[in-house]
Amino acid sequence: MEWLEASTENCPVQRTLDVVGEKWTLLILRDAVNGVRRFDDFHRHIGLSEAVLSDRLRKLITAGVLKTVPYQEPGSRSRNEYRLTRKGWDLWPVLMALSQWGEAYAVGPEGSVLDVRHTDCDAPVRVVVECSAEHSTLTPGDVTARLGPGARART
């Protein structure tokens, strides 16, 4: 069976996009990675409607990417903060890869709004693809893609 004959129903890219494939969702995750926790802060910083923000946060919680943690300001009612779960933090390399691509191809001459550096040596952080045997910085020409055990014929 060849790729074009395979059903993409169980494709990990497709399944991931079902969870995080909307622009606003990725921007919420970007802000969460950078320390934003509260609804009003997401709303103000990203600039989307309260209804869309509520919907995206609810979807991320249902998917286990975010969790709520109650907090209460003195004299105010209890509210929730939104925090990344382990599953959410595992999307950090994806966000970094999108940022790296954007810096190379989409950001204007003024440069990026965020400069991510390694704490220990202050070198810029970059995303690379490597194999599990630690052969790093692979290119598409260095890999072979074949159908996996979940592949089924298209119906």
Protein backbone atom coordinates (compact mmCIF):
# COMPACT_ATOMS: atom_id res chain seq x y z
CA MET A 1 0.00 0.00 0.00
CA GLU A 2 1.30 3.49 -0.92
CA TRP A 3 0.76 6.81 0.92
CA LEU A 4 -2.02 7.97 -1.42
CA GLU A 5 -3.86 4.69 -0.84
CA ALA A 6 -3.66 5.01 2.96
CA SER A 7 -6.43 6.49 5.07
CA THR A 8 -5.25 9.59 6.91
CA GLU A 9 -7.92 9.17 9.59
CA ASN A 10 -5.28 8.14 12.15
CA CYS A 11 -2.58 10.56 10.97
CA PRO A 12 -0.83 12.20 13.95
CA VAL A 13 -0.61 15.55 12.13
CA GLN A 14 -4.34 15.50 11.42
CA ARG A 15 -5.17 14.46 15.00
CA THR A 16 -2.91 17.19 16.40
CA LEU A 17 -4.52 19.82 14.19
CA ASP A 18 -7.92 18.69 15.49
CA VAL A 19 -6.73 19.94 18.90
CA VAL A 20 -4.45 22.91 18.12
CA GLY A 21 -4.99 23.72 14.45
CA GLU A 22 -6.79 27.02 14.86
CA LYS A 23 -4.87 30.30 14.83
CA TRP A 24 -6.35 31.50 18.13
CA THR A 25 -5.52 28.21 19.84
CA LEU A 26 -1.87 28.47 18.88
CA LEU A 27 -1.76 32.08 20.09
CA ILE A 28 -3.28 31.02 23.43
CA LEU A 29 -0.59 28.35 23.72
CA ARG A 30 2.11 30.87 22.78
CA ASP A 31 0.96 33.15 25.57
CA ALA A 32 0.61 30.29 28.08
CA VAL A 33 4.20 29.21 27.38
CA ASN A 34 5.25 32.81 28.03
CA GLY A 35 3.53 32.96 31.41
CA VAL A 36 0.02 34.23 30.68
CA ARG A 37 -2.43 32.48 33.03
CA ARG A 38 -5.58 34.58 33.38
CA PHE A 39 -8.56 34.98 31.09
CA ASP A 40 -8.46 38.78 31.08
CA ASP A 41 -4.75 38.75 30.22
CA PHE A 42 -5.27 36.33 27.30
CA HIS A 43 -8.20 38.45 26.14
CA ARG A 44 -6.27 41.72 26.30
CA HIS A 45 -3.03 40.40 24.82
CA ILE A 46 -4.39 38.31 21.96
CA GLY A 47 -7.38 40.52 21.17
CA LEU A 48 -9.98 37.89 20.39
CA SER A 49 -13.57 37.93 21.56
CA GLU A 50 -14.49 36.58 24.98
CA ALA A 51 -16.73 33.95 23.35
CA VAL A 52 -13.97 32.61 21.09
CA LEU A 53 -11.45 32.69 23.96
CA SER A 54 -13.83 30.78 26.24
CA ASP A 55 -14.45 28.20 23.54
CA ARG A 56 -10.74 27.67 22.79
CA LEU A 57 -9.82 27.44 26.50
CA ARG A 58 -12.62 24.91 27.06
CA LYS A 59 -11.36 22.79 24.13
CA LEU A 60 -7.78 22.88 25.42
CA ILE A 61 -8.94 21.83 28.89
CA THR A 62 -11.05 18.99 27.44
CA ALA A 63 -8.04 17.84 25.40
CA GLY A 64 -5.86 17.86 28.54
CA VAL A 65 -3.52 20.56 27.19
CA LEU A 66 -4.51 23.11 29.83
CA LYS A 67 -5.82 22.72 33.37
CA THR A 68 -7.56 25.21 35.61
CA VAL A 69 -6.21 26.25 38.97
CA PRO A 70 -8.42 28.40 41.22
CA TYR A 71 -7.14 31.70 42.57
CA GLN A 72 -8.74 34.58 44.42
CA GLU A 73 -7.69 38.19 44.61
CA PRO A 74 -8.43 39.80 48.01
CA GLY A 75 -12.01 41.05 48.03
CA SER A 76 -12.93 39.32 44.76
CA ARG A 77 -14.65 36.10 43.83
CA SER A 78 -12.71 32.93 43.08
CA ARG A 79 -11.57 32.59 39.44
CA ASN A 80 -9.46 30.16 37.44
CA GLU A 81 -5.99 30.44 36.03
CA TYR A 82 -5.13 28.37 32.97
CA ARG A 83 -1.91 26.40 33.16
CA LEU A 84 -0.21 24.09 30.73
CA THR A 85 -0.21 20.41 31.58
CA ARG A 86 2.68 18.09 30.65
CA LYS A 87 0.74 17.43 27.43
CA GLY A 88 0.60 21.19 26.85
CA TRP A 89 4.30 21.71 27.52
CA ASP A 90 5.05 18.94 25.03
CA LEU A 91 3.77 21.37 22.36
CA TRP A 92 6.60 23.81 23.17
CA PRO A 93 8.91 22.44 20.43
CA VAL A 94 6.09 22.87 17.91
CA LEU A 95 5.68 26.52 18.92
CA MET A 96 9.45 27.00 18.78
CA ALA A 97 9.56 25.47 15.27
CA LEU A 98 6.76 27.80 14.11
CA SER A 99 8.64 30.74 15.63
CA GLN A 100 11.89 29.68 13.97
CA TRP A 101 10.17 29.43 10.58
CA GLY A 102 8.48 32.79 11.15
CA GLU A 103 11.79 34.46 12.00
CA ALA A 104 13.28 33.13 8.77
CA TYR A 105 10.37 33.83 6.42
CA ALA A 106 7.64 36.02 7.94
CA VAL A 107 9.11 38.60 10.34
CA GLY A 108 9.95 42.00 8.95
CA PRO A 109 13.34 43.73 9.11
CA GLU A 110 12.59 45.01 12.63
CA GLY A 111 13.07 41.46 13.93
CA SER A 112 11.11 39.17 16.22
CA VAL A 113 9.17 40.32 19.26
CA LEU A 114 10.74 37.52 21.33
CA ASP A 115 14.39 36.44 21.57
CA VAL A 116 14.62 32.94 23.07
CA ARG A 117 18.06 32.02 24.39
CA HIS A 118 19.65 29.17 26.33
CA THR A 119 19.94 30.23 29.96
CA ASP A 120 23.38 28.65 30.47
CA CYS A 121 25.26 30.07 27.47
CA ASP A 122 22.96 32.77 26.04
CA ALA A 123 22.99 31.22 22.55
CA PRO A 124 19.80 31.48 20.47
CA VAL A 125 17.55 28.42 20.73
CA ARG A 126 16.73 26.52 17.55
CA VAL A 127 14.66 23.45 16.77
CA VAL A 128 16.30 20.52 14.99
CA VAL A 129 15.09 17.09 13.94
CA GLU A 130 17.12 14.16 15.17
CA CYS A 131 16.72 10.40 15.31
CA SER A 132 16.36 8.51 18.58
CA ALA A 133 20.03 7.42 18.27
CA GLU A 134 20.92 11.13 18.64
CA HIS A 135 22.03 11.74 15.05
CA SER A 136 21.03 15.39 15.04
CA THR A 137 20.18 18.00 12.44
CA LEU A 138 18.57 15.67 9.94
CA THR A 139 17.15 16.99 6.67
CA PRO A 140 14.24 15.52 4.69
CA GLY A 141 16.83 13.76 2.49
CA ASP A 142 18.20 11.95 5.56
CA VAL A 143 14.96 10.15 6.45
CA THR A 144 12.72 7.46 5.05
CA ALA A 145 9.00 7.69 5.69
CA ARG A 146 7.00 4.50 5.48
CA LEU A 147 3.53 3.52 6.49
CA GLY A 148 3.20 2.67 10.17
CA PRO A 149 1.29 -0.04 11.98
CA GLY A 150 -1.87 2.07 12.08
CA ALA A 151 -2.08 2.42 8.31
CA ARG A 152 -5.28 1.24 6.66
CA ALA A 153 -6.47 1.45 3.10
CA ARG A 154 -8.77 4.34 2.21
CA THR A 155 -12.38 3.42 1.93
